[in-house]
Amino acid sequence: MTHASSPASPRPEPWWKFGFVWLVVGGPAVVVVASFVTLWLALRTPDPVVDENYYQKGIAINKALEEKGQNLAPAMRGRNHAATPAQDVPR
């Protein structure tokens, strides 16, 4: 008994010709490529180091602004107005 393949039976197609295989493999492949791009960006442009005396420098900036006659009252008033709702607005 010999098992010869009949000419009517179709040959199975290779795995790379099925679209769902690329859908399943493509998602993780894109994530891996994106992670390497993120790693490259992180190594190429490191974060700046925060100065240890940042608080004292901030105080010096505020003193310099006070000496010039500039104060932060308008900015504080605008910030407080944005944070609290207006009470006198008719509805």
N, C-alpha and C. Protein backbone atom coordinates (compact mmCIF):
# COMPACT_ATOMS: atom_id res chain seq x y z
N MET A 1 0.81 -1.15 0.00
CA MET A 1 0.00 0.00 0.00
C MET A 1 0.88 1.24 0.00
N THR A 2 0.75 1.99 -0.99
CA THR A 2 1.54 3.22 -1.07
C THR A 2 0.62 4.41 -0.89
N HIS A 3 1.19 5.42 -0.26
CA HIS A 3 0.42 6.64 0.00
C HIS A 3 0.92 7.74 -0.93
N ALA A 4 0.43 7.76 -2.07
CA ALA A 4 0.80 8.82 -3.02
C ALA A 4 -0.19 9.97 -2.85
N SER A 5 0.33 11.16 -2.91
CA SER A 5 -0.57 12.30 -2.78
C SER A 5 -1.36 12.45 -4.07
N SER A 6 -2.62 12.65 -3.89
CA SER A 6 -3.46 12.79 -5.07
C SER A 6 -3.33 14.21 -5.61
N PRO A 7 -3.43 14.43 -6.89
CA PRO A 7 -3.29 15.76 -7.44
C PRO A 7 -4.44 16.69 -7.05
N ALA A 8 -5.54 16.16 -6.54
CA ALA A 8 -6.67 16.99 -6.19
C ALA A 8 -6.52 17.63 -4.81
N SER A 9 -5.68 17.08 -3.96
CA SER A 9 -5.54 17.64 -2.61
C SER A 9 -4.65 18.88 -2.66
N PRO A 10 -5.10 20.01 -2.06
CA PRO A 10 -4.30 21.24 -2.13
C PRO A 10 -3.12 21.18 -1.16
N ARG A 11 -2.05 21.83 -1.56
CA ARG A 11 -0.89 21.91 -0.67
C ARG A 11 -1.15 22.97 0.39
N PRO A 12 -0.77 22.71 1.61
CA PRO A 12 -0.97 23.75 2.64
C PRO A 12 -0.06 24.94 2.36
N GLU A 13 -0.60 26.12 2.60
CA GLU A 13 0.18 27.33 2.36
C GLU A 13 1.14 27.58 3.51
N PRO A 14 2.25 28.26 3.26
CA PRO A 14 3.19 28.58 4.34
C PRO A 14 2.56 29.53 5.37
N TRP A 15 3.10 29.55 6.56
CA TRP A 15 2.51 30.32 7.65
C TRP A 15 2.55 31.82 7.39
N TRP A 16 3.53 32.31 6.65
CA TRP A 16 3.65 33.75 6.45
C TRP A 16 2.64 34.32 5.46
N LYS A 17 1.88 33.46 4.84
CA LYS A 17 0.88 33.94 3.90
C LYS A 17 -0.49 34.15 4.55
N PHE A 18 -0.60 33.88 5.83
CA PHE A 18 -1.86 34.09 6.55
C PHE A 18 -1.81 35.45 7.24
N GLY A 19 -2.85 36.25 7.04
CA GLY A 19 -2.89 37.60 7.61
C GLY A 19 -3.00 37.63 9.12
N PHE A 20 -3.69 36.66 9.69
CA PHE A 20 -3.86 36.66 11.14
C PHE A 20 -2.55 36.39 11.87
N VAL A 21 -1.66 35.66 11.24
CA VAL A 21 -0.35 35.42 11.86
C VAL A 21 0.39 36.75 11.99
N TRP A 22 0.33 37.60 10.96
CA TRP A 22 1.00 38.89 11.02
C TRP A 22 0.32 39.82 12.01
N LEU A 23 -0.97 39.65 12.17
CA LEU A 23 -1.69 40.45 13.15
C LEU A 23 -1.24 40.08 14.57
N VAL A 24 -1.06 38.80 14.83
CA VAL A 24 -0.66 38.34 16.16
C VAL A 24 0.82 38.66 16.42
N VAL A 25 1.67 38.49 15.43
CA VAL A 25 3.10 38.71 15.59
C VAL A 25 3.43 40.20 15.50
N GLY A 26 2.66 40.95 14.71
CA GLY A 26 2.97 42.35 14.47
C GLY A 26 2.82 43.24 15.69
N GLY A 27 1.82 42.99 16.52
CA GLY A 27 1.61 43.81 17.72
C GLY A 27 2.80 43.78 18.66
N PRO A 28 3.21 42.60 19.12
CA PRO A 28 4.39 42.55 19.99
C PRO A 28 5.66 43.04 19.31
N ALA A 29 5.79 42.83 18.00
CA ALA A 29 6.98 43.31 17.30
C ALA A 29 7.04 44.83 17.31
N VAL A 30 5.91 45.48 17.13
CA VAL A 30 5.88 46.95 17.17
C VAL A 30 6.23 47.45 18.56
N VAL A 31 5.76 46.76 19.59
CA VAL A 31 6.06 47.17 20.97
C VAL A 31 7.56 47.03 21.26
N VAL A 32 8.17 45.96 20.77
CA VAL A 32 9.61 45.77 20.99
C VAL A 32 10.40 46.87 20.28
N VAL A 33 10.03 47.19 19.06
CA VAL A 33 10.73 48.26 18.33
C VAL A 33 10.53 49.60 19.05
N ALA A 34 9.32 49.87 19.51
CA ALA A 34 9.06 51.13 20.22
C ALA A 34 9.86 51.20 21.52
N SER A 35 10.05 50.08 22.20
CA SER A 35 10.83 50.10 23.44
C SER A 35 12.29 50.40 23.16
N PHE A 36 12.82 49.89 22.05
CA PHE A 36 14.20 50.21 21.70
C PHE A 36 14.35 51.68 21.31
N VAL A 37 13.36 52.23 20.63
CA VAL A 37 13.39 53.66 20.30
C VAL A 37 13.34 54.49 21.58
N THR A 38 12.51 54.10 22.54
CA THR A 38 12.43 54.80 23.81
C THR A 38 13.75 54.71 24.58
N LEU A 39 14.38 53.54 24.56
CA LEU A 39 15.68 53.38 25.22
C LEU A 39 16.72 54.27 24.56
N TRP A 40 16.72 54.33 23.24
CA TRP A 40 17.66 55.18 22.52
C TRP A 40 17.46 56.65 22.88
N LEU A 41 16.20 57.08 22.94
CA LEU A 41 15.93 58.47 23.32
C LEU A 41 16.36 58.76 24.75
N ALA A 42 16.14 57.82 25.65
CA ALA A 42 16.50 58.02 27.05
C ALA A 42 18.01 58.11 27.23
N LEU A 43 18.75 57.31 26.47
CA LEU A 43 20.21 57.35 26.60
C LEU A 43 20.80 58.55 25.87
N ARG A 44 20.16 59.01 24.81
CA ARG A 44 20.67 60.13 24.02
C ARG A 44 20.45 61.46 24.72
N THR A 45 19.30 61.63 25.38
CA THR A 45 18.98 62.90 26.03
C THR A 45 18.65 62.64 27.50
N PRO A 46 19.67 62.58 28.35
CA PRO A 46 19.40 62.32 29.77
C PRO A 46 18.70 63.50 30.44
N ASP A 47 18.01 63.23 31.51
CA ASP A 47 17.32 64.28 32.25
C ASP A 47 18.34 65.17 32.96
N PRO A 48 18.05 66.47 33.04
CA PRO A 48 18.98 67.35 33.75
C PRO A 48 18.90 67.08 35.26
N VAL A 49 20.02 67.27 35.91
CA VAL A 49 20.09 67.04 37.35
C VAL A 49 19.55 68.28 38.05
N VAL A 50 18.70 68.05 39.05
CA VAL A 50 18.14 69.15 39.82
C VAL A 50 19.21 69.65 40.79
N ASP A 51 19.37 70.97 40.82
CA ASP A 51 20.37 71.56 41.71
C ASP A 51 19.96 71.33 43.16
N GLU A 52 20.94 71.06 44.00
CA GLU A 52 20.63 70.80 45.41
C GLU A 52 20.17 72.05 46.14
N ASN A 53 20.52 73.21 45.64
CA ASN A 53 20.13 74.46 46.29
C ASN A 53 18.98 75.12 45.55
N TYR A 54 18.05 74.34 45.02
CA TYR A 54 16.96 74.92 44.24
C TYR A 54 16.07 75.82 45.09
N TYR A 55 15.89 75.50 46.35
CA TYR A 55 15.03 76.31 47.22
C TYR A 55 15.67 77.68 47.47
N GLN A 56 16.97 77.67 47.77
CA GLN A 56 17.66 78.94 48.02
C GLN A 56 17.69 79.80 46.74
N LYS A 57 17.84 79.17 45.57
CA LYS A 57 17.83 79.93 44.33
C LYS A 57 16.46 80.53 44.07
N GLY A 58 15.41 79.83 44.42
CA GLY A 58 14.06 80.36 44.28
C GLY A 58 13.83 81.55 45.17
N ILE A 59 14.33 81.48 46.39
CA ILE A 59 14.21 82.61 47.32
C ILE A 59 15.00 83.80 46.77
N ALA A 60 16.17 83.57 46.20
CA ALA A 60 16.97 84.66 45.64
C ALA A 60 16.25 85.30 44.45
N ILE A 61 15.57 84.51 43.64
CA ILE A 61 14.82 85.06 42.51
C ILE A 61 13.68 85.94 43.03
N ASN A 62 12.97 85.49 44.06
CA ASN A 62 11.89 86.30 44.63
C ASN A 62 12.41 87.60 45.22
N LYS A 63 13.57 87.55 45.88
CA LYS A 63 14.15 88.78 46.45
C LYS A 63 14.56 89.73 45.33
N ALA A 64 15.10 89.19 44.23
CA ALA A 64 15.49 90.04 43.11
C ALA A 64 14.26 90.69 42.48
N LEU A 65 13.16 89.99 42.39
CA LEU A 65 11.93 90.57 41.84
C LEU A 65 11.39 91.65 42.76
N GLU A 66 11.49 91.45 44.09
CA GLU A 66 11.02 92.46 45.03
C GLU A 66 11.87 93.73 44.94
N GLU A 67 13.18 93.57 44.71
CA GLU A 67 14.06 94.72 44.61
C GLU A 67 13.75 95.53 43.35
N LYS A 68 13.32 94.86 42.30
CA LYS A 68 12.98 95.57 41.06
C LYS A 68 11.59 96.20 41.13
N GLY A 69 10.86 95.92 42.16
CA GLY A 69 9.52 96.48 42.31
C GLY A 69 8.45 95.60 41.68
N GLN A 70 8.82 94.45 41.23
CA GLN A 70 7.83 93.52 40.65
C GLN A 70 7.42 92.54 41.73
N ASN A 71 6.13 92.42 41.92
CA ASN A 71 5.69 91.41 42.87
C ASN A 71 4.76 90.44 42.14
N LEU A 72 4.43 89.39 42.80
CA LEU A 72 3.64 88.34 42.18
C LEU A 72 2.17 88.43 42.52
N ALA A 73 1.71 89.59 43.01
CA ALA A 73 0.31 89.72 43.41
C ALA A 73 -0.66 89.50 42.25
N PRO A 74 -0.45 90.06 41.05
CA PRO A 74 -1.40 89.78 39.97
C PRO A 74 -1.46 88.30 39.61
N ALA A 75 -0.34 87.63 39.63
CA ALA A 75 -0.34 86.20 39.31
C ALA A 75 -1.06 85.41 40.39
N MET A 76 -0.85 85.78 41.63
CA MET A 76 -1.53 85.07 42.72
C MET A 76 -3.03 85.33 42.68
N ARG A 77 -3.43 86.56 42.36
CA ARG A 77 -4.84 86.89 42.27
C ARG A 77 -5.50 86.10 41.13
N GLY A 78 -4.83 86.00 40.00
CA GLY A 78 -5.36 85.24 38.88
C GLY A 78 -5.44 83.76 39.20
N ARG A 79 -4.45 83.25 39.89
CA ARG A 79 -4.47 81.83 40.25
C ARG A 79 -5.60 81.55 41.23
N ASN A 80 -5.78 82.41 42.21
CA ASN A 80 -6.84 82.20 43.18
C ASN A 80 -8.21 82.33 42.54
N HIS A 81 -8.34 83.25 41.58
CA HIS A 81 -9.62 83.42 40.89
C HIS A 81 -9.95 82.18 40.06
N ALA A 82 -8.95 81.59 39.44
CA ALA A 82 -9.19 80.40 38.61
C ALA A 82 -9.50 79.19 39.48
N ALA A 83 -8.99 79.16 40.70
CA ALA A 83 -9.18 78.00 41.56
C ALA A 83 -10.53 78.02 42.27
N THR A 84 -11.12 79.21 42.48
CA THR A 84 -12.39 79.30 43.18
C THR A 84 -13.45 79.81 42.23
N PRO A 85 -14.65 79.32 42.33
CA PRO A 85 -15.71 79.79 41.43
C PRO A 85 -16.15 81.20 41.84
N ALA A 86 -16.63 81.92 40.87
CA ALA A 86 -17.12 83.28 41.12
C ALA A 86 -18.44 83.21 41.89
N GLN A 87 -18.58 84.06 42.91
CA GLN A 87 -19.77 84.05 43.75
C GLN A 87 -20.83 85.01 43.23
N ASP A 88 -20.42 86.06 42.51
CA ASP A 88 -21.38 87.09 42.13
C ASP A 88 -21.88 86.95 40.69
N VAL A 89 -21.72 85.83 40.08
CA VAL A 89 -22.18 85.62 38.70
C VAL A 89 -23.65 85.23 38.74
N PRO A 90 -24.54 85.99 38.05
CA PRO A 90 -25.97 85.62 38.05
C PRO A 90 -26.17 84.35 37.23
N ARG A 91 -27.10 83.56 37.69
CA ARG A 91 -27.37 82.28 37.00
C ARG A 91 -28.71 82.30 36.37
